[in-house]
N, C-alpha and C. Protein backbone atom coordinates (compact mmCIF):
# COMPACT_ATOMS: atom_id res chain seq x y z
N UNK A 1 -58.75 196.18 136.94
CA UNK A 1 -57.71 196.79 137.50
C UNK A 1 -56.95 197.68 137.93
N UNK A 2 -57.90 198.63 137.15
CA UNK A 2 -57.29 199.57 137.55
C UNK A 2 -58.00 200.54 138.78
N UNK A 3 -58.62 199.59 138.94
CA UNK A 3 -60.09 200.83 139.93
C UNK A 3 -58.61 200.86 141.02
N UNK A 4 -57.79 199.02 141.17
CA UNK A 4 -56.65 199.23 141.99
C UNK A 4 -55.68 199.84 142.37
N UNK A 5 -54.99 200.22 140.69
CA UNK A 5 -54.06 201.21 141.34
C UNK A 5 -54.26 202.41 141.42
N UNK A 6 -56.09 202.90 141.48
CA UNK A 6 -56.29 204.49 141.23
C UNK A 6 -56.42 204.90 142.79
N UNK A 7 -55.95 203.53 142.99
CA UNK A 7 -56.44 203.87 144.89
C UNK A 7 -55.23 204.88 145.32
N UNK A 8 -55.01 205.99 146.41
CA UNK A 8 -53.94 205.95 146.90
C UNK A 8 -53.57 205.72 147.72
N UNK A 9 -51.81 205.59 147.99
CA UNK A 9 -51.24 204.38 148.77
C UNK A 9 -50.98 204.96 150.03
N UNK A 10 -50.69 205.73 150.07
CA UNK A 10 -50.98 206.59 151.30
C UNK A 10 -52.31 205.83 152.39
N UNK A 11 -53.42 206.27 151.35
CA UNK A 11 -55.19 206.12 152.79
C UNK A 11 -55.33 204.91 152.48
N UNK A 12 -54.50 203.99 151.76
CA UNK A 12 -54.84 202.35 152.08
C UNK A 12 -53.72 201.91 153.29
N UNK A 13 -52.35 202.77 153.24
CA UNK A 13 -51.62 202.37 154.87
C UNK A 13 -52.41 202.83 156.02
N UNK A 14 -52.91 204.15 155.79
CA UNK A 14 -53.70 204.16 157.07
C UNK A 14 -54.86 203.41 157.43
N UNK A 15 -55.75 203.16 156.48
CA UNK A 15 -57.16 202.24 156.89
C UNK A 15 -56.81 201.07 156.80
N UNK A 16 -56.15 200.49 156.03
CA UNK A 16 -54.50 199.12 156.74
C UNK A 16 -54.51 199.43 158.26
N UNK A 17 -53.62 200.38 158.81
CA UNK A 17 -53.10 199.71 159.94
C UNK A 17 -54.52 200.29 161.04
N UNK A 18 -55.64 200.82 160.86
CA UNK A 18 -56.13 202.07 161.75
C UNK A 18 -57.41 200.54 162.08
N UNK A 19 -57.86 200.08 160.55
CA UNK A 19 -59.07 198.39 161.06
C UNK A 19 -58.03 198.10 161.46
N UNK A 20 -56.40 197.75 160.85
CA UNK A 20 -55.73 196.40 161.68
C UNK A 20 -55.64 196.40 163.64
N UNK A 21 -56.06 197.53 163.70
CA UNK A 21 -55.81 198.55 164.88
C UNK A 21 -56.80 198.33 166.11
N UNK A 22 -58.24 198.52 165.37
CA UNK A 22 -59.44 199.51 165.54
C UNK A 22 -59.75 197.90 166.49
N UNK A 23 -60.35 198.37 167.56
CA UNK A 23 -60.84 198.82 169.35
C UNK A 23 -59.74 198.44 169.56
N UNK A 24 -58.89 199.51 170.12
CA UNK A 24 -57.20 199.44 170.57
C UNK A 24 -56.95 198.73 172.22
N UNK A 25 -58.44 199.48 172.52
CA UNK A 25 -58.38 198.21 173.52
C UNK A 25 -60.23 197.42 174.60
N UNK A 26 -59.92 196.39 175.21
CA UNK A 26 -58.83 195.72 174.95
C UNK A 26 -58.05 195.13 174.57
N UNK A 27 -58.13 194.93 173.20
CA UNK A 27 -57.59 194.39 172.37
C UNK A 27 -58.38 194.45 171.09
N UNK A 28 -57.33 194.20 169.81
CA UNK A 28 -57.53 194.80 168.36
C UNK A 28 -58.52 193.07 168.44
N UNK A 29 -59.44 193.77 167.02
CA UNK A 29 -60.70 192.83 167.12
C UNK A 29 -59.29 191.39 165.91
N UNK A 30 -58.20 191.94 165.68
CA UNK A 30 -57.81 191.21 164.42
C UNK A 30 -57.02 190.70 164.62
N UNK A 31 -56.44 190.32 166.31
CA UNK A 31 -55.71 190.17 167.24
C UNK A 31 -56.54 188.16 167.60
N UNK A 32 -57.54 188.87 167.89
CA UNK A 32 -58.74 188.16 169.06
C UNK A 32 -59.02 187.45 167.79
N UNK A 33 -59.85 187.53 166.52
CA UNK A 33 -59.70 187.10 165.68
C UNK A 33 -58.99 186.08 165.52
N UNK A 34 -57.99 186.74 165.33
CA UNK A 34 -56.95 185.41 164.49
C UNK A 34 -56.27 184.26 165.47
N UNK A 35 -55.97 184.51 166.75
CA UNK A 35 -55.76 183.88 168.54
C UNK A 35 -57.56 182.75 167.90
N UNK A 36 -58.42 182.83 167.27
CA UNK A 36 -59.88 182.69 167.88
C UNK A 36 -59.62 182.03 166.67
N UNK A 37 -58.78 182.19 165.28
CA UNK A 37 -58.93 181.01 163.80
C UNK A 37 -57.48 179.94 164.53
N UNK A 38 -56.32 180.06 165.19
CA UNK A 38 -55.23 179.10 165.54
C UNK A 38 -56.09 178.27 166.71
N UNK A 39 -57.35 178.98 167.47
CA UNK A 39 -57.16 177.75 168.65
C UNK A 39 -58.14 177.02 168.03
N UNK A 40 -59.17 177.22 166.88
CA UNK A 40 -60.29 176.19 166.54
C UNK A 40 -61.75 177.01 166.23
N UNK A 41 -61.62 177.77 166.86
CA UNK A 41 -62.49 179.01 168.08
C UNK A 41 -63.44 179.42 167.33
N UNK A 42 -63.31 179.58 166.22
CA UNK A 42 -63.57 181.35 165.14
C UNK A 42 -64.60 180.22 164.56
N UNK A 43 -66.16 180.25 164.93
CA UNK A 43 -66.68 179.39 164.36
C UNK A 43 -68.45 180.54 163.98
N UNK A 44 -68.53 181.58 164.50
CA UNK A 44 -69.80 182.45 164.90
C UNK A 44 -69.72 183.26 163.41
N UNK A 45 -70.84 183.67 162.44
CA UNK A 45 -70.30 183.62 161.04
C UNK A 45 -70.09 185.20 161.87
N UNK A 46 -70.83 186.05 162.81
CA UNK A 46 -70.35 187.24 162.52
C UNK A 46 -68.68 187.30 163.35
N UNK A 47 -68.33 186.71 163.94
CA UNK A 47 -67.41 186.53 164.04
C UNK A 47 -65.98 186.43 162.98
N UNK A 48 -66.88 185.67 161.63
CA UNK A 48 -65.60 185.38 160.69
C UNK A 48 -65.71 186.09 159.41
N UNK A 49 -67.18 187.23 159.36
CA UNK A 49 -67.12 188.41 158.59
C UNK A 49 -66.71 189.61 159.59
N UNK A 50 -66.21 189.37 160.87
CA UNK A 50 -65.60 190.91 161.40
C UNK A 50 -64.09 190.01 161.18
N UNK A 51 -63.79 189.44 160.47
CA UNK A 51 -62.17 189.12 160.94
C UNK A 51 -61.95 189.60 159.49
N UNK A 52 -62.45 189.03 158.25
CA UNK A 52 -62.70 189.68 157.05
C UNK A 52 -63.17 190.53 157.02
N UNK A 53 -63.70 192.13 157.74
CA UNK A 53 -63.99 193.04 157.75
C UNK A 53 -62.28 193.51 157.93
N UNK A 54 -61.92 192.96 159.33
CA UNK A 54 -61.31 193.85 159.81
C UNK A 54 -59.37 193.44 158.46
N UNK A 55 -59.04 191.81 158.21
CA UNK A 55 -58.27 192.29 157.53
C UNK A 55 -58.17 192.61 155.30
N UNK A 56 -59.70 193.37 155.66
CA UNK A 56 -59.80 193.67 153.90
C UNK A 56 -59.18 194.48 153.28
N UNK A 57 -58.87 195.80 153.88
CA UNK A 57 -57.52 196.60 153.87
C UNK A 57 -56.28 195.96 153.82
N UNK A 58 -56.50 195.49 155.14
CA UNK A 58 -54.52 194.89 154.41
C UNK A 58 -54.15 194.16 153.26
N UNK A 59 -55.04 192.96 152.19
CA UNK A 59 -55.09 192.22 151.58
C UNK A 59 -55.64 193.20 150.48
N UNK A 60 -56.24 194.50 150.53
CA UNK A 60 -56.35 195.01 150.06
C UNK A 60 -54.75 196.37 149.24
N UNK A 61 -54.45 196.32 150.29
CA UNK A 61 -52.91 196.88 150.65
C UNK A 61 -51.85 196.27 150.05
N UNK A 62 -51.90 194.74 150.50
CA UNK A 62 -50.99 193.48 150.21
C UNK A 62 -51.43 193.71 147.89
N UNK A 63 -52.27 193.49 147.93
CA UNK A 63 -52.11 193.38 146.10
C UNK A 63 -52.09 194.93 145.54
N UNK A 64 -52.30 195.86 146.50
CA UNK A 64 -51.87 197.02 145.61
C UNK A 64 -50.26 197.85 145.40
N UNK A 65 -49.45 196.85 147.23
CA UNK A 65 -47.66 196.48 146.24
C UNK A 65 -47.38 196.01 145.48
N UNK A 66 -48.05 194.72 145.32
CA UNK A 66 -47.53 193.43 144.47
C UNK A 66 -47.49 194.11 142.97
N UNK A 67 -48.65 194.77 142.68
CA UNK A 67 -48.57 194.91 141.83
C UNK A 67 -47.73 196.76 141.41
N UNK A 68 -48.03 196.86 141.88
CA UNK A 68 -46.85 198.92 141.42
C UNK A 68 -45.15 198.07 141.63
N UNK A 69 -45.10 197.27 142.45
CA UNK A 69 -43.76 197.16 142.72
C UNK A 69 -43.37 195.11 142.59
N UNK A 70 -44.12 194.51 142.23
CA UNK A 70 -43.58 193.21 142.13
C UNK A 70 -42.95 193.71 141.22
N UNK A 71 -42.91 191.65 140.63
CA UNK A 71 -41.85 191.17 139.41
C UNK A 71 -43.09 191.44 137.88
N UNK A 72 -42.41 192.30 137.06
CA UNK A 72 -43.02 192.78 136.07
C UNK A 72 -42.77 191.48 135.36
N UNK A 73 -43.50 191.44 134.06
CA UNK A 73 -44.05 190.60 132.59
C UNK A 73 -43.83 191.27 131.70
N UNK A 74 -42.78 191.27 130.21
CA UNK A 74 -42.59 191.69 130.00
C UNK A 74 -43.77 191.77 129.06
């Protein structure tokens, strides 16, 4: 997990926010895909890929923050 620790935190924050908000109009893809998932209409492979693509930076940021600030084992 050394590669994850070497990623700059400010870059990950900017990338996660940008991918979560893109495209801004008419509605961010992440919001659209999460709504489709909750309604059960997220079935097309392209939509599933799009959801994964827009969530990936946020997940990487979460892992990075967990490794940096999470509970430590002695």
